[in-house]
C-alpha atoms as a PDB file:
ATOM      1  CA  UNK A   1    -139.414-251.097  49.912  1.00  0.00           C
ATOM      2  CA  UNK A   2    -140.089-254.642  48.856  1.00  0.00           C
ATOM      3  CA  UNK A   3    -143.679-255.518  48.045  1.00  0.00           C
ATOM      4  CA  UNK A   4    -145.434-256.882  51.157  1.00  0.00           C
ATOM      5  CA  UNK A   5    -148.723-258.430  52.096  1.00  0.00           C
ATOM      6  CA  UNK A   6    -151.552-256.204  53.254  1.00  0.00           C
ATOM      7  CA  UNK A   7    -150.471-256.883  56.844  1.00  0.00           C
ATOM      8  CA  UNK A   8    -148.076-254.146  57.996  1.00  0.00           C
ATOM      9  CA  UNK A   9    -144.586-255.064  59.161  1.00  0.00           C
ATOM     10  CA  UNK A  10    -144.515-254.833  62.954  1.00  0.00           C
ATOM     11  CA  UNK A  11    -141.504-252.940  64.231  1.00  0.00           C
ATOM     12  CA  UNK A  12    -140.420-251.945  67.732  1.00  0.00           C
ATOM     13  CA  UNK A  13    -137.680-249.396  68.260  1.00  0.00           C
ATOM     14  CA  UNK A  14    -136.280-249.724  71.791  1.00  0.00           C
ATOM     15  CA  UNK A  15    -134.429-246.788  73.261  1.00  0.00           C
ATOM     16  CA  UNK A  16    -133.865-244.986  76.549  1.00  0.00           C
ATOM     17  CA  UNK A  17    -131.031-244.036  78.901  1.00  0.00           C
ATOM     18  CA  UNK A  18    -128.201-246.435  79.672  1.00  0.00           C
ATOM     19  CA  UNK A  19    -129.082-248.708  82.569  1.00  0.00           C
ATOM     20  CA  UNK A  20    -132.864-248.504  82.159  1.00  0.00           C
ATOM     21  CA  UNK A  21    -133.271-251.966  80.617  1.00  0.00           C
ATOM     22  CA  UNK A  22    -132.920-251.589  76.852  1.00  0.00           C
ATOM     23  CA  UNK A  23    -130.866-254.777  76.507  1.00  0.00           C
ATOM     24  CA  UNK A  24    -133.402-256.702  78.574  1.00  0.00           C
ATOM     25  CA  UNK A  25    -136.196-255.463  76.307  1.00  0.00           C
ATOM     26  CA  UNK A  26    -134.336-256.493  73.157  1.00  0.00           C
ATOM     27  CA  UNK A  27    -133.702-259.970  74.573  1.00  0.00           C
ATOM     28  CA  UNK A  28    -137.359-260.407  75.522  1.00  0.00           C
ATOM     29  CA  UNK A  29    -138.553-259.328  72.082  1.00  0.00           C
ATOM     30  CA  UNK A  30    -136.144-261.763  70.452  1.00  0.00           C
ATOM     31  CA  UNK A  31    -137.568-264.530  72.646  1.00  0.00           C
ATOM     32  CA  UNK A  32    -141.050-263.523  71.467  1.00  0.00           C
ATOM     33  CA  UNK A  33    -140.106-264.106  67.840  1.00  0.00           C
ATOM     34  CA  UNK A  34    -138.869-260.672  66.798  1.00  0.00           C
ATOM     35  CA  UNK A  35    -135.792-260.357  64.629  1.00  0.00           C
ATOM     36  CA  UNK A  36    -133.681-258.298  67.020  1.00  0.00           C
ATOM     37  CA  UNK A  37    -130.846-255.975  66.000  1.00  0.00           C
ATOM     38  CA  UNK A  38    -129.047-254.067  68.729  1.00  0.00           C
ATOM     39  CA  UNK A  39    -126.709-251.080  68.347  1.00  0.00           C
ATOM     40  CA  UNK A  40    -127.507-250.678  64.655  1.00  0.00           C
ATOM     41  CA  UNK A  41    -125.875-247.530  63.228  1.00  0.00           C
ATOM     42  CA  UNK A  42    -128.637-245.015  62.658  1.00  0.00           C
ATOM     43  CA  UNK A  43    -127.582-244.425  59.062  1.00  0.00           C
ATOM     44  CA  UNK A  44    -128.321-248.085  58.254  1.00  0.00           C
ATOM     45  CA  UNK A  45    -131.841-248.117  59.708  1.00  0.00           C
ATOM     46  CA  UNK A  46    -133.740-247.140  56.504  1.00  0.00           C
ATOM     47  CA  UNK A  47    -131.896-249.750  54.435  1.00  0.00           C
ATOM     48  CA  UNK A  48    -132.594-252.510  56.968  1.00  0.00           C
ATOM     49  CA  UNK A  49    -136.304-251.634  57.070  1.00  0.00           C
ATOM     50  CA  UNK A  50    -136.424-251.551  53.261  1.00  0.00           C
ATOM     51  CA  UNK A  51    -134.827-254.966  52.987  1.00  0.00           C
ATOM     52  CA  UNK A  52    -136.842-256.686  55.702  1.00  0.00           C
ATOM     53  CA  UNK A  53    -138.672-259.764  54.310  1.00  0.00           C
ATOM     54  CA  UNK A  54    -141.835-259.047  56.307  1.00  0.00           C
ATOM     55  CA  UNK A  55    -142.383-262.543  57.665  1.00  0.00           C
ATOM     56  CA  UNK A  56    -141.063-261.659  61.134  1.00  0.00           C
ATOM     57  CA  UNK A  57    -141.527-258.522  63.247  1.00  0.00           C
ATOM     58  CA  UNK A  58    -138.425-256.401  63.816  1.00  0.00           C
ATOM     59  CA  UNK A  59    -136.930-254.972  67.007  1.00  0.00           C
ATOM     60  CA  UNK A  60    -134.122-252.407  66.968  1.00  0.00           C
ATOM     61  CA  UNK A  61    -132.129-251.222  69.967  1.00  0.00           C
ATOM     62  CA  UNK A  62    -130.751-247.685  69.763  1.00  0.00           C
ATOM     63  CA  UNK A  63    -129.411-245.233  72.312  1.00  0.00           C
ATOM     64  CA  UNK A  64    -126.633-242.716  72.831  1.00  0.00           C
ATOM     65  CA  UNK A  65    -123.976-245.449  72.523  1.00  0.00           C
ATOM     66  CA  UNK A  66    -124.729-245.937  68.835  1.00  0.00           C
ATOM     67  CA  UNK A  67    -121.875-244.808  66.608  1.00  0.00           C
ATOM     68  CA  UNK A  68    -123.716-242.039  64.724  1.00  0.00           C
ATOM     69  CA  UNK A  69    -126.462-241.313  67.244  1.00  0.00           C
ATOM     70  CA  UNK A  70    -128.127-237.935  67.450  1.00  0.00           C
ATOM     71  CA  UNK A  71    -131.580-237.176  68.902  1.00  0.00           C
ATOM     72  CA  UNK A  72    -132.663-235.084  65.930  1.00  0.00           C
ATOM     73  CA  UNK A  73    -131.618-237.731  63.407  1.00  0.00           C
ATOM     74  CA  UNK A  74    -133.404-240.472  65.353  1.00  0.00           C
ATOM     75  CA  UNK A  75    -136.580-238.418  65.627  1.00  0.00           C
ATOM     76  CA  UNK A  76    -136.476-237.758  61.897  1.00  0.00           C
ATOM     77  CA  UNK A  77    -136.028-241.471  61.175  1.00  0.00           C
ATOM     78  CA  UNK A  78    -138.931-242.338  63.489  1.00  0.00           C
ATOM     79  CA  UNK A  79    -141.166-239.814  61.723  1.00  0.00           C
ATOM     80  CA  UNK A  80    -140.306-241.132  58.264  1.00  0.00           C
ATOM     81  CA  UNK A  81    -140.842-244.770  59.213  1.00  0.00           C
ATOM     82  CA  UNK A  82    -144.096-244.056  61.057  1.00  0.00           C
ATOM     83  CA  UNK A  83    -145.498-242.406  57.921  1.00  0.00           C
ATOM     84  CA  UNK A  84    -145.130-245.587  55.877  1.00  0.00           C
ATOM     85  CA  UNK A  85    -148.373-247.499  55.474  1.00  0.00           C
ATOM     86  CA  UNK A  86    -146.588-250.833  55.244  1.00  0.00           C
ATOM     87  CA  UNK A  87    -144.925-250.445  58.686  1.00  0.00           C
ATOM     88  CA  UNK A  88    -146.549-250.519  62.122  1.00  0.00           C
ATOM     89  CA  UNK A  89    -144.014-248.796  64.389  1.00  0.00           C
ATOM     90  CA  UNK A  90    -143.968-248.667  68.195  1.00  0.00           C
ATOM     91  CA  UNK A  91    -141.266-246.696  70.010  1.00  0.00           C
ATOM     92  CA  UNK A  92    -140.589-248.314  73.399  1.00  0.00           C
ATOM     93  CA  UNK A  93    -138.743-246.010  75.787  1.00  0.00           C
ATOM     94  CA  UNK A  94    -137.149-247.806  78.719  1.00  0.00           C
ATOM     95  CA  UNK A  95    -136.938-245.249  81.494  1.00  0.00           C
ATOM     96  CA  UNK A  96    -135.768-244.947  85.099  1.00  0.00           C
ATOM     97  CA  UNK A  97    -135.242-242.154  87.590  1.00  0.00           C
ATOM     98  CA  UNK A  98    -131.835-240.499  87.661  1.00  0.00           C
ATOM     99  CA  UNK A  99    -130.971-241.754  91.133  1.00  0.00           C
ATOM    100  CA  UNK A 100    -131.850-245.323  90.105  1.00  0.00           C
ATOM    101  CA  UNK A 101    -129.669-245.148  86.980  1.00  0.00           C
ATOM    102  CA  UNK A 102    -126.815-243.789  89.083  1.00  0.00           C
ATOM    103  CA  UNK A 103    -127.209-246.594  91.630  1.00  0.00           C
ATOM    104  CA  UNK A 104    -127.164-249.223  88.891  1.00  0.00           C
ATOM    105  CA  UNK A 105    -123.930-247.845  87.460  1.00  0.00           C
ATOM    106  CA  UNK A 106    -122.421-247.671  90.951  1.00  0.00           C
ATOM    107  CA  UNK A 107    -123.351-251.298  91.588  1.00  0.00           C
ATOM    108  CA  UNK A 108    -121.767-252.503  88.346  1.00  0.00           C
ATOM    109  CA  UNK A 109    -118.785-250.113  88.629  1.00  0.00           C
ATOM    110  CA  UNK A 110    -119.027-249.397  84.923  1.00  0.00           C
ATOM    111  CA  UNK A 111    -118.085-246.110  83.319  1.00  0.00           C
ATOM    112  CA  UNK A 112    -120.981-244.171  81.904  1.00  0.00           C
ATOM    113  CA  UNK A 113    -120.780-243.976  78.077  1.00  0.00           C
ATOM    114  CA  UNK A 114    -121.678-240.286  78.144  1.00  0.00           C
ATOM    115  CA  UNK A 115    -118.953-239.440  80.665  1.00  0.00           C
ATOM    116  CA  UNK A 116    -116.130-242.012  80.419  1.00  0.00           C
ATOM    117  CA  UNK A 117    -113.619-239.704  82.116  1.00  0.00           C
ATOM    118  CA  UNK A 118    -116.067-238.137  84.568  1.00  0.00           C
ATOM    119  CA  UNK A 119    -118.394-239.345  87.291  1.00  0.00           C
ATOM    120  CA  UNK A 120    -121.415-241.517  86.408  1.00  0.00           C
ATOM    121  CA  UNK A 121    -123.671-238.782  87.791  1.00  0.00           C
ATOM    122  CA  UNK A 122    -122.484-236.386  85.092  1.00  0.00           C
ATOM    123  CA  UNK A 123    -123.133-239.013  82.439  1.00  0.00           C
ATOM    124  CA  UNK A 124    -126.617-239.819  83.705  1.00  0.00           C
ATOM    125  CA  UNK A 125    -127.714-236.184  83.719  1.00  0.00           C
ATOM    126  CA  UNK A 126    -126.136-235.548  80.319  1.00  0.00           C
ATOM    127  CA  UNK A 127    -127.859-238.527  78.738  1.00  0.00           C
ATOM    128  CA  UNK A 128    -131.278-237.781  80.254  1.00  0.00           C
ATOM    129  CA  UNK A 129    -131.111-234.275  78.817  1.00  0.00           C
ATOM    130  CA  UNK A 130    -130.047-235.669  75.434  1.00  0.00           C
ATOM    131  CA  UNK A 131    -132.934-238.167  75.333  1.00  0.00           C
ATOM    132  CA  UNK A 132    -135.664-235.802  76.526  1.00  0.00           C
ATOM    133  CA  UNK A 133    -137.316-235.193  73.144  1.00  0.00           C
ATOM    134  CA  UNK A 134    -137.181-238.865  72.207  1.00  0.00           C
ATOM    135  CA  UNK A 135    -138.847-239.738  75.507  1.00  0.00           C
ATOM    136  CA  UNK A 136    -141.641-237.292  74.680  1.00  0.00           C
ATOM    137  CA  UNK A 137    -142.136-238.982  71.280  1.00  0.00           C
ATOM    138  CA  UNK A 138    -142.305-242.544  72.635  1.00  0.00           C
ATOM    139  CA  UNK A 139    -145.449-244.606  72.093  1.00  0.00           C
ATOM    140  CA  UNK A 140    -144.815-246.708  75.216  1.00  0.00           C
ATOM    141  CA  UNK A 141    -143.000-245.488  78.317  1.00  0.00           C
ATOM    142  CA  UNK A 142    -141.883-248.281  80.657  1.00  0.00           C
ATOM    143  CA  UNK A 143    -140.345-247.069  83.888  1.00  0.00           C
ATOM    144  CA  UNK A 144    -138.161-249.745  85.479  1.00  0.00           C
ATOM    145  CA  UNK A 145    -137.132-247.776  88.570  1.00  0.00           C
ATOM    146  CA  UNK A 146    -139.012-250.108  90.902  1.00  0.00           C
ATOM    147  CA  UNK A 147    -138.662-253.328  88.880  1.00  0.00           C
ATOM    148  CA  UNK A 148    -136.136-256.110  88.931  1.00  0.00           C
ATOM    149  CA  UNK A 149    -135.166-257.782  85.662  1.00  0.00           C
ATOM    150  CA  UNK A 150    -137.858-260.457  86.015  1.00  0.00           C
ATOM    151  CA  UNK A 151    -140.626-257.896  86.555  1.00  0.00           C
ATOM    152  CA  UNK A 152    -139.400-255.848  83.600  1.00  0.00           C
ATOM    153  CA  UNK A 153    -139.414-258.972  81.441  1.00  0.00           C
ATOM    154  CA  UNK A 154    -142.989-259.763  82.477  1.00  0.00           C
ATOM    155  CA  UNK A 155    -144.166-256.252  81.605  1.00  0.00           C
ATOM    156  CA  UNK A 156    -142.548-256.408  78.163  1.00  0.00           C
ATOM    157  CA  UNK A 157    -144.040-259.833  77.491  1.00  0.00           C
ATOM    158  CA  UNK A 158    -147.472-258.479  78.420  1.00  0.00           C
ATOM    159  CA  UNK A 159    -146.979-255.601  75.999  1.00  0.00           C
ATOM    160  CA  UNK A 160    -145.687-257.506  73.006  1.00  0.00           C
ATOM    161  CA  UNK A 161    -146.669-261.170  73.353  1.00  0.00           C
ATOM    162  CA  UNK A 162    -147.901-262.217  69.891  1.00  0.00           C
ATOM    163  CA  UNK A 163    -151.413-263.231  70.916  1.00  0.00           C
ATOM    164  CA  UNK A 164    -153.398-260.655  68.990  1.00  0.00           C
ATOM    165  CA  UNK A 165    -154.382-258.494  71.933  1.00  0.00           C
ATOM    166  CA  UNK A 166    -153.569-254.841  71.501  1.00  0.00           C
ATOM    167  CA  UNK A 167    -153.832-253.448  75.020  1.00  0.00           C
ATOM    168  CA  UNK A 168    -152.019-254.678  78.118  1.00  0.00           C
ATOM    169  CA  UNK A 169    -153.147-253.565  81.579  1.00  0.00           C
ATOM    170  CA  UNK A 170    -150.842-253.520  84.582  1.00  0.00           C
ATOM    171  CA  UNK A 171    -152.276-253.001  88.057  1.00  0.00           C
ATOM    172  CA  UNK A 172    -150.092-252.297  91.041  1.00  0.00           C
ATOM    173  CA  UNK A 173    -150.335-251.413  94.692  1.00  0.00           C
ATOM    174  CA  UNK A 174    -148.017-248.997  96.452  1.00  0.00           C
ATOM    175  CA  UNK A 175    -147.341-247.089  99.662  1.00  0.00           C
ATOM    176  CA  UNK A 176    -147.679-243.311  99.629  1.00  0.00           C
ATOM    177  CA  UNK A 177    -144.802-243.211 102.121  1.00  0.00           C
ATOM    178  CA  UNK A 178    -142.497-244.406  99.335  1.00  0.00           C
ATOM    179  CA  UNK A 179    -143.927-242.263  96.563  1.00  0.00           C
ATOM    180  CA  UNK A 180    -146.406-242.554  93.702  1.00  0.00           C
ATOM    181  CA  UNK A 181    -145.338-244.899  90.863  1.00  0.00           C
ATOM    182  CA  UNK A 182    -143.531-242.808  88.280  1.00  0.00           C
ATOM    183  CA  UNK A 183    -145.281-243.943  85.104  1.00  0.00           C
ATOM    184  CA  UNK A 184    -148.810-244.780  86.311  1.00  0.00           C
ATOM    185  CA  UNK A 185    -151.621-243.578  84.018  1.00  0.00           C
ATOM    186  CA  UNK A 186    -154.370-243.769  86.660  1.00  0.00           C
ATOM    187  CA  UNK A 187    -153.751-243.437  90.411  1.00  0.00           C
ATOM    188  CA  UNK A 188    -156.422-244.117  93.039  1.00  0.00           C
ATOM    189  CA  UNK A 189    -156.021-243.230  96.705  1.00  0.00           C
ATOM    190  CA  UNK A 190    -157.757-245.775  98.951  1.00  0.00           C
ATOM    191  CA  UNK A 191    -156.536-244.498 102.325  1.00  0.00           C
ATOM    192  CA  UNK A 192    -160.102-243.528 103.256  1.00  0.00           C
ATOM    193  CA  UNK A 193    -161.127-247.191 103.575  1.00  0.00           C
ATOM    194  CA  UNK A 194    -161.026-249.154 106.837  1.00  0.00           C
ATOM    195  CA  UNK A 195    -157.409-250.002 107.607  1.00  0.00           C
ATOM    196  CA  UNK A 196    -156.735-253.650 108.570  1.00  0.00           C
ATOM    197  CA  UNK A 197    -153.457-252.526 110.133  1.00  0.00           C
ATOM    198  CA  UNK A 198    -155.356-251.518 113.250  1.00  0.00           C
ATOM    199  CA  UNK A 199    -156.825-255.006 113.663  1.00  0.00           C
ATOM    200  CA  UNK A 200    -154.187-257.048 115.547  1.00  0.00           C
ATOM    201  CA  UNK A 201    -155.029-260.376 113.916  1.00  0.00           C
ATOM    202  CA  UNK A 202    -154.865-258.811 110.419  1.00  0.00           C
ATOM    203  CA  UNK A 203    -151.775-256.640 110.784  1.00  0.00           C
ATOM    204  CA  UNK A 204    -149.267-259.318 109.762  1.00  0.00           C
ATOM    205  CA  UNK A 205    -151.368-260.379 106.758  1.00  0.00           C
ATOM    206  CA  UNK A 206    -151.726-258.574 103.435  1.00  0.00           C
ATOM    207  CA  UNK A 207    -154.397-257.831 100.852  1.00  0.00           C
ATOM    208  CA  UNK A 208    -154.013-261.193  99.157  1.00  0.00           C
ATOM    209  CA  UNK A 209    -155.431-262.867 102.286  1.00  0.00           C
ATOM    210  CA  UNK A 210    -159.191-263.370 102.299  1.00  0.00           C
ATOM    211  CA  UNK A 211    -159.611-262.076 105.852  1.00  0.00           C
ATOM    212  CA  UNK A 212    -157.997-258.764 104.909  1.00  0.00           C
ATOM    213  CA  UNK A 213    -160.066-258.500 101.743  1.00  0.00           C
ATOM    214  CA  UNK A 214    -163.271-259.130 103.697  1.00  0.00           C
ATOM    215  CA  UNK A 215    -162.322-256.388 106.156  1.00  0.00           C
ATOM    216  CA  UNK A 216    -161.601-253.839 103.426  1.00  0.00           C
ATOM    217  CA  UNK A 217    -164.697-254.749 101.429  1.00  0.00           C
ATOM    218  CA  UNK A 218    -166.736-254.462 104.605  1.00  0.00           C
ATOM    219  CA  UNK A 219    -166.267-250.702 104.601  1.00  0.00           C
ATOM    220  CA  UNK A 220    -169.668-249.278 103.533  1.00  0.00           C
ATOM    221  CA  UNK A 221    -167.876-246.917 101.138  1.00  0.00           C
ATOM    222  CA  UNK A 222    -166.078-249.741  99.320  1.00  0.00           C
ATOM    223  CA  UNK A 223    -168.865-250.939  96.949  1.00  0.00           C
ATOM    224  CA  UNK A 224    -169.590-247.536  95.440  1.00  0.00           C
ATOM    225  CA  UNK A 225    -165.923-246.603  95.184  1.00  0.00           C
ATOM    226  CA  UNK A 226    -165.004-249.879  93.502  1.00  0.00           C
ATOM    227  CA  UNK A 227    -167.982-249.796  91.120  1.00  0.00           C
ATOM    228  CA  UNK A 228    -167.010-246.306  90.001  1.00  0.00           C
ATOM    229  CA  UNK A 229    -163.400-247.342  89.414  1.00  0.00           C
ATOM    230  CA  UNK A 230    -164.518-250.360  87.359  1.00  0.00           C
ATOM    231  CA  UNK A 231    -166.946-248.234  85.337  1.00  0.00           C
ATOM    232  CA  UNK A 232    -164.232-245.697  84.583  1.00  0.00           C
ATOM    233  CA  UNK A 233    -161.655-248.283  83.546  1.00  0.00           C
ATOM    234  CA  UNK A 234    -164.113-250.215  81.383  1.00  0.00           C
ATOM    235  CA  UNK A 235    -165.096-246.940  79.722  1.00  0.00           C
ATOM    236  CA  UNK A 236    -161.432-246.104  79.036  1.00  0.00           C
ATOM    237  CA  UNK A 237    -160.274-249.492  77.741  1.00  0.00           C
ATOM    238  CA  UNK A 238    -161.965-249.326  74.311  1.00  0.00           C
ATOM    239  CA  UNK A 239    -161.025-245.652  74.004  1.00  0.00           C
ATOM    240  CA  UNK A 240    -157.379-246.451  74.620  1.00  0.00           C
ATOM    241  CA  UNK A 241    -157.532-249.336  72.147  1.00  0.00           C
ATOM    242  CA  UNK A 242    -158.973-247.069  69.463  1.00  0.00           C
ATOM    243  CA  UNK A 243    -156.242-244.551  70.174  1.00  0.00           C
ATOM    244  CA  UNK A 244    -153.662-247.288  69.595  1.00  0.00           C
ATOM    245  CA  UNK A 245    -152.355-247.248  73.144  1.00  0.00           C
ATOM    246  CA  UNK A 246    -150.524-250.478  73.969  1.00  0.00           C
ATOM    247  CA  UNK A 247    -150.335-250.245  77.764  1.00  0.00           C
ATOM    248  CA  UNK A 248    -152.507-248.891  80.583  1.00  0.00           C
ATOM    249  CA  UNK A 249    -150.990-248.668  84.064  1.00  0.00           C
ATOM    250  CA  UNK A 250    -153.333-248.430  87.068  1.00  0.00           C
ATOM    251  CA  UNK A 251    -152.085-247.905  90.626  1.00  0.00           C
ATOM    252  CA  UNK A 252    -153.794-248.075  94.024  1.00  0.00           C
ATOM    253  CA  UNK A 253    -152.113-246.445  96.992  1.00  0.00           C
ATOM    254  CA  UNK A 254    -152.573-246.687 100.744  1.00  0.00           C
ATOM    255  CA  UNK A 255    -150.438-245.820 103.736  1.00  0.00           C
ATOM    256  CA  UNK A 256    -148.235-248.898 103.915  1.00  0.00           C
ATOM    257  CA  UNK A 257    -148.971-250.617 100.612  1.00  0.00           C
ATOM    258  CA  UNK A 258    -149.819-253.868 102.381  1.00  0.00           C
ATOM    259  CA  UNK A 259    -153.579-254.140 102.878  1.00  0.00           C
ATOM    260  CA  UNK A 260    -156.079-251.784 101.224  1.00  0.00           C
ATOM    261  CA  UNK A 261    -154.162-251.056  98.014  1.00  0.00           C
ATOM    262  CA  UNK A 262    -153.316-254.745  97.563  1.00  0.00           C
ATOM    263  CA  UNK A 263    -156.979-255.683  98.049  1.00  0.00           C
ATOM    264  CA  UNK A 264    -158.091-253.146  95.423  1.00  0.00           C
ATOM    265  CA  UNK A 265    -155.444-254.259  92.923  1.00  0.00           C
ATOM    266  CA  UNK A 266    -156.366-257.928  93.305  1.00  0.00           C
ATOM    267  CA  UNK A 267    -160.093-257.234  93.114  1.00  0.00           C
ATOM    268  CA  UNK A 268    -159.850-255.008  90.037  1.00  0.00           C
ATOM    269  CA  UNK A 269    -157.677-257.530  88.206  1.00  0.00           C
ATOM    270  CA  UNK A 270    -160.360-260.169  88.644  1.00  0.00           C
ATOM    271  CA  UNK A 271    -163.094-257.768  87.549  1.00  0.00           C
ATOM    272  CA  UNK A 272    -161.207-256.850  84.359  1.00  0.00           C
ATOM    273  CA  UNK A 273    -160.149-260.380  83.432  1.00  0.00           C
ATOM    274  CA  UNK A 274    -162.986-260.831  80.927  1.00  0.00           C
ATOM    275  CA  UNK A 275    -162.660-257.527  79.057  1.00  0.00           C
ATOM    276  CA  UNK A 276    -158.899-257.105  79.439  1.00  0.00           C
ATOM    277  CA  UNK A 277    -157.379-260.585  79.627  1.00  0.00           C
ATOM    278  CA  UNK A 278    -153.848-259.214  79.335  1.00  0.00           C
ATOM    279  CA  UNK A 279    -153.635-258.075  82.958  1.00  0.00           C
ATOM    280  CA  UNK A 280    -150.563-258.184  85.184  1.00  0.00           C
ATOM    281  CA  UNK A 281    -150.432-257.466  88.918  1.00  0.00           C
ATOM    282  CA  UNK A 282    -147.507-256.156  90.910  1.00  0.00           C
ATOM    283  CA  UNK A 283    -147.452-255.297  94.611  1.00  0.00           C
ATOM    284  CA  UNK A 284    -144.544-252.927  95.007  1.00  0.00           C
ATOM    285  CA  UNK A 285    -144.213-253.135  98.765  1.00  0.00           C
ATOM    286  CA  UNK A 286    -144.738-256.875  99.269  1.00  0.00           C
END
């Protein structure tokens, strides 16, 4: 490799199943100043890394559509690159549930690259099985099942914006009726708190409204619960940073995802703003 400065070359390898958002991720990284190369043949990856000038971070997009793709070969390449002191590698795996990937292919009416002569469902299942070991190796797992393209873009910007911060925190609210967020690291159930839904004047509002927040915070169990959550998260943040983790996802759930969980997500985001300024909020059910 060419002689570099002491600062390692930043490199992001973006992969994942077709339809999960790999192209979106590559475009966002390019907008953030990365030199982006999509669909690079795997055999050329070492040569491109060797010849990189080092003045710009690199982003590579690779998946099963690459000409000489194989999971074992990609894992071997990742291992070899990660061992190099002059490279700082992050593997970003764009993920989504099988039924979501199938719906996206049905909406676009495209043939699946893993099953051009068969149904998209066959292709989705075949590709997920093929990518399983790479998914397990990923440094960052970003599930886009419940995101639109703008939300996915915001999450990627939070993860890789070149502002020197190493840990991004995303906080979201959700309804247990619609399932727990797939890729959440920490999940807190706040259904035990007073429910504004049963107050007629609050029912049509949500947890971003002050009246709803006052009602939820008025539960005598709220202060201790919230203080314990904050203590836990503040304890974990430096530990995750030291571990090299780039993203921490925290989710609050309640029955409808409108009042209590939204209040907790908004309140925690404000409490963490000083120690974790790279915080994003998403209310799945709003």
